[in-house]
Amino acid sequence: MPTEEKTFLLRFSLSAELPDEEESDDEAQPWLQEWEQQIKPALLKTVFAQLRAHPGWKIHVRNRGIPAEREVEIVMQKVPVL
């Protein structure tokens, strides 16, 4: 059976302005921790809830060997509605 594919990219670029007296510590970046622990999980939960509201689509995460801190790929597959 033939398969057609299309890719759509939604990219987030994160940055934080730090006070002059605050040095960047790669180990303790509270703004990045906030993104990883609070914002990104809530965003993904909302995205999945919205996508699952559409019958006839299977949705799952695919890992292509890139760390989840850098990429989350969501795969949608159109399936016949019975």
PDB file of N, CA and C in Angstrom:
ATOM      1  N   MET A   1       0.844  -1.167   0.000  1.00  0.00           N
ATOM      2  CA  MET A   1       0.000   0.000   0.000  1.00  0.00           C
ATOM      3  C   MET A   1       0.903   1.248   0.000  1.00  0.00           C
ATOM      4  N   PRO A   2       0.685   2.179  -0.895  1.00  0.00           N
ATOM      5  CA  PRO A   2       1.501   3.400  -0.948  1.00  0.00           C
ATOM      6  C   PRO A   2       1.288   4.258   0.300  1.00  0.00           C
ATOM      7  N   THR A   3       2.324   4.958   0.670  1.00  0.00           N
ATOM      8  CA  THR A   3       2.271   5.861   1.811  1.00  0.00           C
ATOM      9  C   THR A   3       2.762   7.238   1.377  1.00  0.00           C
ATOM     10  N   GLU A   4       2.010   8.258   1.739  1.00  0.00           N
ATOM     11  CA  GLU A   4       2.438   9.632   1.494  1.00  0.00           C
ATOM     12  C   GLU A   4       2.866  10.241   2.821  1.00  0.00           C
ATOM     13  N   GLU A   5       3.859  11.133   2.776  1.00  0.00           N
ATOM     14  CA  GLU A   5       4.338  11.778   3.997  1.00  0.00           C
ATOM     15  C   GLU A   5       4.521  13.276   3.793  1.00  0.00           C
ATOM     16  N   LYS A   6       4.386  14.018   4.867  1.00  0.00           N
ATOM     17  CA  LYS A   6       4.596  15.462   4.886  1.00  0.00           C
ATOM     18  C   LYS A   6       5.153  15.818   6.251  1.00  0.00           C
ATOM     19  N   THR A   7       6.123  16.709   6.296  1.00  0.00           N
ATOM     20  CA  THR A   7       6.711  17.149   7.555  1.00  0.00           C
ATOM     21  C   THR A   7       6.326  18.594   7.813  1.00  0.00           C
ATOM     22  N   PHE A   8       5.970  18.872   9.052  1.00  0.00           N
ATOM     23  CA  PHE A   8       5.664  20.225   9.503  1.00  0.00           C
ATOM     24  C   PHE A   8       6.524  20.478  10.732  1.00  0.00           C
ATOM     25  N   LEU A   9       7.247  21.578  10.750  1.00  0.00           N
ATOM     26  CA  LEU A   9       8.158  21.889  11.846  1.00  0.00           C
ATOM     27  C   LEU A   9       7.661  23.100  12.612  1.00  0.00           C
ATOM     28  N   LEU A  10       7.559  22.942  13.922  1.00  0.00           N
ATOM     29  CA  LEU A  10       7.243  24.039  14.835  1.00  0.00           C
ATOM     30  C   LEU A  10       8.428  24.136  15.782  1.00  0.00           C
ATOM     31  N   ARG A  11       9.218  25.183  15.664  1.00  0.00           N
ATOM     32  CA  ARG A  11      10.476  25.296  16.406  1.00  0.00           C
ATOM     33  C   ARG A  11      10.355  26.364  17.495  1.00  0.00           C
ATOM     34  N   PHE A  12      10.883  26.048  18.653  1.00  0.00           N
ATOM     35  CA  PHE A  12      10.953  26.994  19.757  1.00  0.00           C
ATOM     36  C   PHE A  12      12.414  27.340  19.987  1.00  0.00           C
ATOM     37  N   SER A  13      12.736  28.613  20.006  1.00  0.00           N
ATOM     38  CA  SER A  13      14.082  29.081  20.333  1.00  0.00           C
ATOM     39  C   SER A  13      14.000  29.779  21.682  1.00  0.00           C
ATOM     40  N   LEU A  14      14.746  29.278  22.646  1.00  0.00           N
ATOM     41  CA  LEU A  14      14.680  29.790  24.005  1.00  0.00           C
ATOM     42  C   LEU A  14      15.890  30.661  24.304  1.00  0.00           C
ATOM     43  N   SER A  15      15.675  31.732  25.048  1.00  0.00           N
ATOM     44  CA  SER A  15      16.776  32.572  25.518  1.00  0.00           C
ATOM     45  C   SER A  15      16.340  33.227  26.820  1.00  0.00           C
ATOM     46  N   ALA A  16      17.327  33.704  27.569  1.00  0.00           N
ATOM     47  CA  ALA A  16      17.040  34.397  28.820  1.00  0.00           C
ATOM     48  C   ALA A  16      18.057  35.517  29.000  1.00  0.00           C
ATOM     49  N   GLU A  17      17.580  36.687  29.338  1.00  0.00           N
ATOM     50  CA  GLU A  17      18.477  37.793  29.650  1.00  0.00           C
ATOM     51  C   GLU A  17      18.814  37.711  31.125  1.00  0.00           C
ATOM     52  N   LEU A  18      20.108  37.654  31.424  1.00  0.00           N
ATOM     53  CA  LEU A  18      20.565  37.526  32.801  1.00  0.00           C
ATOM     54  C   LEU A  18      21.120  38.852  33.290  1.00  0.00           C
ATOM     55  N   PRO A  19      20.938  39.160  34.569  1.00  0.00           N
ATOM     56  CA  PRO A  19      21.542  40.377  35.121  1.00  0.00           C
ATOM     57  C   PRO A  19      23.059  40.315  34.947  1.00  0.00           C
ATOM     58  N   ASP A  20      23.695  41.477  34.797  1.00  0.00           N
ATOM     59  CA  ASP A  20      25.146  41.529  34.576  1.00  0.00           C
ATOM     60  C   ASP A  20      25.931  40.796  35.643  1.00  0.00           C
ATOM     61  N   GLU A  21      25.480  40.880  36.896  1.00  0.00           N
ATOM     62  CA  GLU A  21      26.227  40.258  37.980  1.00  0.00           C
ATOM     63  C   GLU A  21      26.052  38.740  38.038  1.00  0.00           C
ATOM     64  N   GLU A  22      25.096  38.220  37.298  1.00  0.00           N
ATOM     65  CA  GLU A  22      24.847  36.783  37.310  1.00  0.00           C
ATOM     66  C   GLU A  22      25.596  36.119  36.164  1.00  0.00           C
ATOM     67  N   GLU A  23      26.531  35.248  36.503  1.00  0.00           N
ATOM     68  CA  GLU A  23      27.268  34.525  35.481  1.00  0.00           C
ATOM     69  C   GLU A  23      26.464  33.318  35.040  1.00  0.00           C
ATOM     70  N   SER A  24      26.634  32.948  33.804  1.00  0.00           N
ATOM     71  CA  SER A  24      25.954  31.775  33.292  1.00  0.00           C
ATOM     72  C   SER A  24      26.615  30.517  33.836  1.00  0.00           C
ATOM     73  N   ASP A  25      25.820  29.672  34.453  1.00  0.00           N
ATOM     74  CA  ASP A  25      26.283  28.392  34.966  1.00  0.00           C
ATOM     75  C   ASP A  25      25.515  27.322  34.208  1.00  0.00           C
ATOM     76  N   ASP A  26      26.205  26.608  33.333  1.00  0.00           N
ATOM     77  CA  ASP A  26      25.531  25.625  32.489  1.00  0.00           C
ATOM     78  C   ASP A  26      24.816  24.552  33.302  1.00  0.00           C
ATOM     79  N   GLU A  27      25.278  24.303  34.528  1.00  0.00           N
ATOM     80  CA  GLU A  27      24.662  23.281  35.363  1.00  0.00           C
ATOM     81  C   GLU A  27      23.336  23.756  35.958  1.00  0.00           C
ATOM     82  N   ALA A  28      23.261  25.016  36.366  1.00  0.00           N
ATOM     83  CA  ALA A  28      22.061  25.523  37.037  1.00  0.00           C
ATOM     84  C   ALA A  28      21.472  26.670  36.236  1.00  0.00           C
ATOM     85  N   GLN A  29      20.629  26.347  35.299  1.00  0.00           N
ATOM     86  CA  GLN A  29      19.944  27.353  34.489  1.00  0.00           C
ATOM     87  C   GLN A  29      18.459  27.282  34.829  1.00  0.00           C
ATOM     88  N   PRO A  30      18.023  28.056  35.835  1.00  0.00           N
ATOM     89  CA  PRO A  30      16.631  27.947  36.269  1.00  0.00           C
ATOM     90  C   PRO A  30      15.623  28.207  35.153  1.00  0.00           C
ATOM     91  N   TRP A  31      15.929  29.106  34.247  1.00  0.00           N
ATOM     92  CA  TRP A  31      14.992  29.385  33.155  1.00  0.00           C
ATOM     93  C   TRP A  31      14.841  28.171  32.239  1.00  0.00           C
ATOM     94  N   LEU A  32      15.932  27.434  32.034  1.00  0.00           N
ATOM     95  CA  LEU A  32      15.870  26.230  31.205  1.00  0.00           C
ATOM     96  C   LEU A  32      15.192  25.084  31.950  1.00  0.00           C
ATOM     97  N   GLN A  33      15.434  25.010  33.237  1.00  0.00           N
ATOM     98  CA  GLN A  33      14.754  24.000  34.054  1.00  0.00           C
ATOM     99  C   GLN A  33      13.247  24.242  34.061  1.00  0.00           C
ATOM    100  N   GLU A  34      12.844  25.506  34.115  1.00  0.00           N
ATOM    101  CA  GLU A  34      11.414  25.834  34.058  1.00  0.00           C
ATOM    102  C   GLU A  34      10.794  25.348  32.751  1.00  0.00           C
ATOM    103  N   TRP A  35      11.514  25.560  31.652  1.00  0.00           N
ATOM    104  CA  TRP A  35      11.040  25.087  30.349  1.00  0.00           C
ATOM    105  C   TRP A  35      10.902  23.567  30.347  1.00  0.00           C
ATOM    106  N   GLU A  36      11.949  22.851  30.762  1.00  0.00           N
ATOM    107  CA  GLU A  36      11.969  21.391  30.693  1.00  0.00           C
ATOM    108  C   GLU A  36      10.996  20.732  31.674  1.00  0.00           C
ATOM    109  N   GLN A  37      10.834  21.304  32.862  1.00  0.00           N
ATOM    110  CA  GLN A  37      10.046  20.649  33.901  1.00  0.00           C
ATOM    111  C   GLN A  37       8.601  21.105  33.972  1.00  0.00           C
ATOM    112  N   GLN A  38       8.309  22.307  33.463  1.00  0.00           N
ATOM    113  CA  GLN A  38       6.949  22.825  33.584  1.00  0.00           C
ATOM    114  C   GLN A  38       6.308  23.150  32.240  1.00  0.00           C
ATOM    115  N   ILE A  39       6.956  24.011  31.483  1.00  0.00           N
ATOM    116  CA  ILE A  39       6.331  24.533  30.260  1.00  0.00           C
ATOM    117  C   ILE A  39       6.228  23.460  29.178  1.00  0.00           C
ATOM    118  N   LYS A  40       7.339  22.792  28.851  1.00  0.00           N
ATOM    119  CA  LYS A  40       7.321  21.804  27.769  1.00  0.00           C
ATOM    120  C   LYS A  40       6.370  20.640  28.056  1.00  0.00           C
ATOM    121  N   PRO A  41       6.386  20.050  29.267  1.00  0.00           N
ATOM    122  CA  PRO A  41       5.425  18.962  29.514  1.00  0.00           C
ATOM    123  C   PRO A  41       3.967  19.408  29.377  1.00  0.00           C
ATOM    124  N   ALA A  42       3.640  20.608  29.881  1.00  0.00           N
ATOM    125  CA  ALA A  42       2.270  21.110  29.767  1.00  0.00           C
ATOM    126  C   ALA A  42       1.899  21.363  28.313  1.00  0.00           C
ATOM    127  N   LEU A  43       2.838  21.899  27.550  1.00  0.00           N
ATOM    128  CA  LEU A  43       2.613  22.150  26.135  1.00  0.00           C
ATOM    129  C   LEU A  43       2.354  20.845  25.383  1.00  0.00           C
ATOM    130  N   LEU A  44       3.190  19.840  25.620  1.00  0.00           N
ATOM    131  CA  LEU A  44       3.018  18.550  24.937  1.00  0.00           C
ATOM    132  C   LEU A  44       1.712  17.880  25.326  1.00  0.00           C
ATOM    133  N   LYS A  45       1.337  17.976  26.591  1.00  0.00           N
ATOM    134  CA  LYS A  45       0.062  17.410  27.042  1.00  0.00           C
ATOM    135  C   LYS A  45      -1.102  18.071  26.297  1.00  0.00           C
ATOM    136  N   THR A  46      -1.050  19.383  26.166  1.00  0.00           N
ATOM    137  CA  THR A  46      -2.098  20.120  25.465  1.00  0.00           C
ATOM    138  C   THR A  46      -2.132  19.766  23.985  1.00  0.00           C
ATOM    139  N   VAL A  47      -0.957  19.682  23.363  1.00  0.00           N
ATOM    140  CA  VAL A  47      -0.878  19.323  21.941  1.00  0.00           C
ATOM    141  C   VAL A  47      -1.478  17.940  21.721  1.00  0.00           C
ATOM    142  N   PHE A  48      -1.082  16.958  22.544  1.00  0.00           N
ATOM    143  CA  PHE A  48      -1.610  15.602  22.384  1.00  0.00           C
ATOM    144  C   PHE A  48      -3.117  15.555  22.602  1.00  0.00           C
ATOM    145  N   ALA A  49      -3.625  16.288  23.583  1.00  0.00           N
ATOM    146  CA  ALA A  49      -5.066  16.322  23.821  1.00  0.00           C
ATOM    147  C   ALA A  49      -5.800  16.860  22.600  1.00  0.00           C
ATOM    148  N   GLN A  50      -5.273  17.910  22.003  1.00  0.00           N
ATOM    149  CA  GLN A  50      -5.901  18.496  20.821  1.00  0.00           C
ATOM    150  C   GLN A  50      -5.860  17.531  19.629  1.00  0.00           C
ATOM    151  N   LEU A  51      -4.715  16.902  19.417  1.00  0.00           N
ATOM    152  CA  LEU A  51      -4.584  15.988  18.283  1.00  0.00           C
ATOM    153  C   LEU A  51      -5.472  14.758  18.439  1.00  0.00           C
ATOM    154  N   ARG A  52      -5.587  14.260  19.664  1.00  0.00           N
ATOM    155  CA  ARG A  52      -6.429  13.076  19.908  1.00  0.00           C
ATOM    156  C   ARG A  52      -7.909  13.378  19.737  1.00  0.00           C
ATOM    157  N   ALA A  53      -8.279  14.641  19.702  1.00  0.00           N
ATOM    158  CA  ALA A  53      -9.682  15.021  19.509  1.00  0.00           C
ATOM    159  C   ALA A  53     -10.143  14.805  18.073  1.00  0.00           C
ATOM    160  N   HIS A  54      -9.229  14.436  17.183  1.00  0.00           N
ATOM    161  CA  HIS A  54      -9.565  14.237  15.777  1.00  0.00           C
ATOM    162  C   HIS A  54      -9.604  12.744  15.457  1.00  0.00           C
ATOM    163  N   PRO A  55     -10.814  12.191  15.239  1.00  0.00           N
ATOM    164  CA  PRO A  55     -10.925  10.767  14.928  1.00  0.00           C
ATOM    165  C   PRO A  55     -10.192  10.427  13.629  1.00  0.00           C
ATOM    166  N   GLY A  56      -9.718   9.225  13.562  1.00  0.00           N
ATOM    167  CA  GLY A  56      -9.074   8.773  12.344  1.00  0.00           C
ATOM    168  C   GLY A  56      -7.577   9.035  12.300  1.00  0.00           C
ATOM    169  N   TRP A  57      -7.014   9.478  13.415  1.00  0.00           N
ATOM    170  CA  TRP A  57      -5.581   9.738  13.470  1.00  0.00           C
ATOM    171  C   TRP A  57      -4.967   8.994  14.650  1.00  0.00           C
ATOM    172  N   LYS A  58      -3.849   8.335  14.409  1.00  0.00           N
ATOM    173  CA  LYS A  58      -3.043   7.751  15.479  1.00  0.00           C
ATOM    174  C   LYS A  58      -1.888   8.711  15.735  1.00  0.00           C
ATOM    175  N   ILE A  59      -1.598   8.954  17.008  1.00  0.00           N
ATOM    176  CA  ILE A  59      -0.561   9.916  17.377  1.00  0.00           C
ATOM    177  C   ILE A  59       0.407   9.239  18.336  1.00  0.00           C
ATOM    178  N   HIS A  60       1.699   9.413  18.080  1.00  0.00           N
ATOM    179  CA  HIS A  60       2.710   8.910  19.008  1.00  0.00           C
ATOM    180  C   HIS A  60       3.999   9.712  18.845  1.00  0.00           C
ATOM    181  N   VAL A  61       4.882   9.567  19.816  1.00  0.00           N
ATOM    182  CA  VAL A  61       6.189  10.212  19.777  1.00  0.00           C
ATOM    183  C   VAL A  61       7.170   9.255  19.120  1.00  0.00           C
ATOM    184  N   ARG A  62       8.037   9.797  18.271  1.00  0.00           N
ATOM    185  CA  ARG A  62       9.083   8.981  17.630  1.00  0.00           C
ATOM    186  C   ARG A  62      10.436   9.526  18.065  1.00  0.00           C
ATOM    187  N   ASN A  63      11.335   8.628  18.409  1.00  0.00           N
ATOM    188  CA  ASN A  63      12.684   8.998  18.818  1.00  0.00           C
ATOM    189  C   ASN A  63      13.644   8.641  17.704  1.00  0.00           C
ATOM    190  N   ARG A  64      14.331   9.621  17.189  1.00  0.00           N
ATOM    191  CA  ARG A  64      15.312   9.399  16.128  1.00  0.00           C
ATOM    192  C   ARG A  64      16.742   9.467  16.663  1.00  0.00           C
ATOM    193  N   GLY A  65      16.897   9.225  17.968  1.00  0.00           N
ATOM    194  CA  GLY A  65      18.215   9.242  18.563  1.00  0.00           C
ATOM    195  C   GLY A  65      18.673  10.610  19.026  1.00  0.00           C
ATOM    196  N   ILE A  66      17.814  11.607  18.881  1.00  0.00           N
ATOM    197  CA  ILE A  66      18.132  12.963  19.340  1.00  0.00           C
ATOM    198  C   ILE A  66      17.544  13.111  20.745  1.00  0.00           C
ATOM    199  N   PRO A  67      18.307  13.641  21.711  1.00  0.00           N
ATOM    200  CA  PRO A  67      17.790  13.773  23.077  1.00  0.00           C
ATOM    201  C   PRO A  67      16.495  14.590  23.119  1.00  0.00           C
ATOM    202  N   ALA A  68      15.600  14.205  24.020  1.00  0.00           N
ATOM    203  CA  ALA A  68      14.307  14.890  24.153  1.00  0.00           C
ATOM    204  C   ALA A  68      14.470  16.351  24.559  1.00  0.00           C
ATOM    205  N   GLU A  69      15.630  16.721  25.095  1.00  0.00           N
ATOM    206  CA  GLU A  69      15.883  18.125  25.422  1.00  0.00           C
ATOM    207  C   GLU A  69      16.054  18.954  24.158  1.00  0.00           C
ATOM    208  N   ARG A  70      16.336  18.291  23.047  1.00  0.00           N
ATOM    209  CA  ARG A  70      16.567  19.009  21.792  1.00  0.00           C
ATOM    210  C   ARG A  70      15.443  18.827  20.781  1.00  0.00           C
ATOM    211  N   GLU A  71      14.754  17.690  20.844  1.00  0.00           N
ATOM    212  CA  GLU A  71      13.723  17.437  19.832  1.00  0.00           C
ATOM    213  C   GLU A  71      12.680  16.470  20.355  1.00  0.00           C
ATOM    214  N   VAL A  72      11.435  16.780  20.078  1.00  0.00           N
ATOM    215  CA  VAL A  72      10.324  15.863  20.307  1.00  0.00           C
ATOM    216  C   VAL A  72       9.584  15.774  18.981  1.00  0.00           C
ATOM    217  N   GLU A  73       9.573  14.593  18.416  1.00  0.00           N
ATOM    218  CA  GLU A  73       8.860  14.409  17.147  1.00  0.00           C
ATOM    219  C   GLU A  73       7.542  13.712  17.417  1.00  0.00           C
ATOM    220  N   ILE A  74       6.466  14.339  16.981  1.00  0.00           N
ATOM    221  CA  ILE A  74       5.130  13.765  17.104  1.00  0.00           C
ATOM    222  C   ILE A  74       4.721  13.249  15.739  1.00  0.00           C
ATOM    223  N   VAL A  75       4.357  11.987  15.687  1.00  0.00           N
ATOM    224  CA  VAL A  75       3.957  11.352  14.437  1.00  0.00           C
ATOM    225  C   VAL A  75       2.435  11.216  14.431  1.00  0.00           C
ATOM    226  N   MET A  76       1.819  11.673  13.360  1.00  0.00           N
ATOM    227  CA  MET A  76       0.375  11.489  13.153  1.00  0.00           C
ATOM    228  C   MET A  76       0.201  10.605  11.935  1.00  0.00           C
ATOM    229  N   GLN A  77      -0.613   9.572  12.101  1.00  0.00           N
ATOM    230  CA  GLN A  77      -0.865   8.660  10.997  1.00  0.00           C
ATOM    231  C   GLN A  77      -2.368   8.574  10.766  1.00  0.00           C
ATOM    232  N   LYS A  78      -2.789   8.895   9.555  1.00  0.00           N
ATOM    233  CA  LYS A  78      -4.203   8.825   9.186  1.00  0.00           C
ATOM    234  C   LYS A  78      -4.588   7.363   9.024  1.00  0.00           C
ATOM    235  N   VAL A  79      -5.612   6.950   9.739  1.00  0.00           N
ATOM    236  CA  VAL A  79      -6.074   5.564   9.663  1.00  0.00           C
ATOM    237  C   VAL A  79      -7.564   5.561   9.319  1.00  0.00           C
ATOM    238  N   PRO A  80      -8.035   4.492   8.713  1.00  0.00           N
ATOM    239  CA  PRO A  80      -9.456   4.436   8.358  1.00  0.00           C
ATOM    240  C   PRO A  80     -10.332   4.465   9.608  1.00  0.00           C
ATOM    241  N   VAL A  81     -11.415   5.215   9.553  1.00  0.00           N
ATOM    242  CA  VAL A  81     -12.381   5.252  10.642  1.00  0.00           C
ATOM    243  C   VAL A  81     -13.386   4.136  10.396  1.00  0.00           C
ATOM    244  N   LEU A  82     -13.534   3.274  11.385  1.00  0.00           N
ATOM    245  CA  LEU A  82     -14.465   2.135  11.220  1.00  0.00           C
ATOM    246  C   LEU A  82     -15.827   2.459  11.743  1.00  0.00           C
TER     247      LEU A  82
END
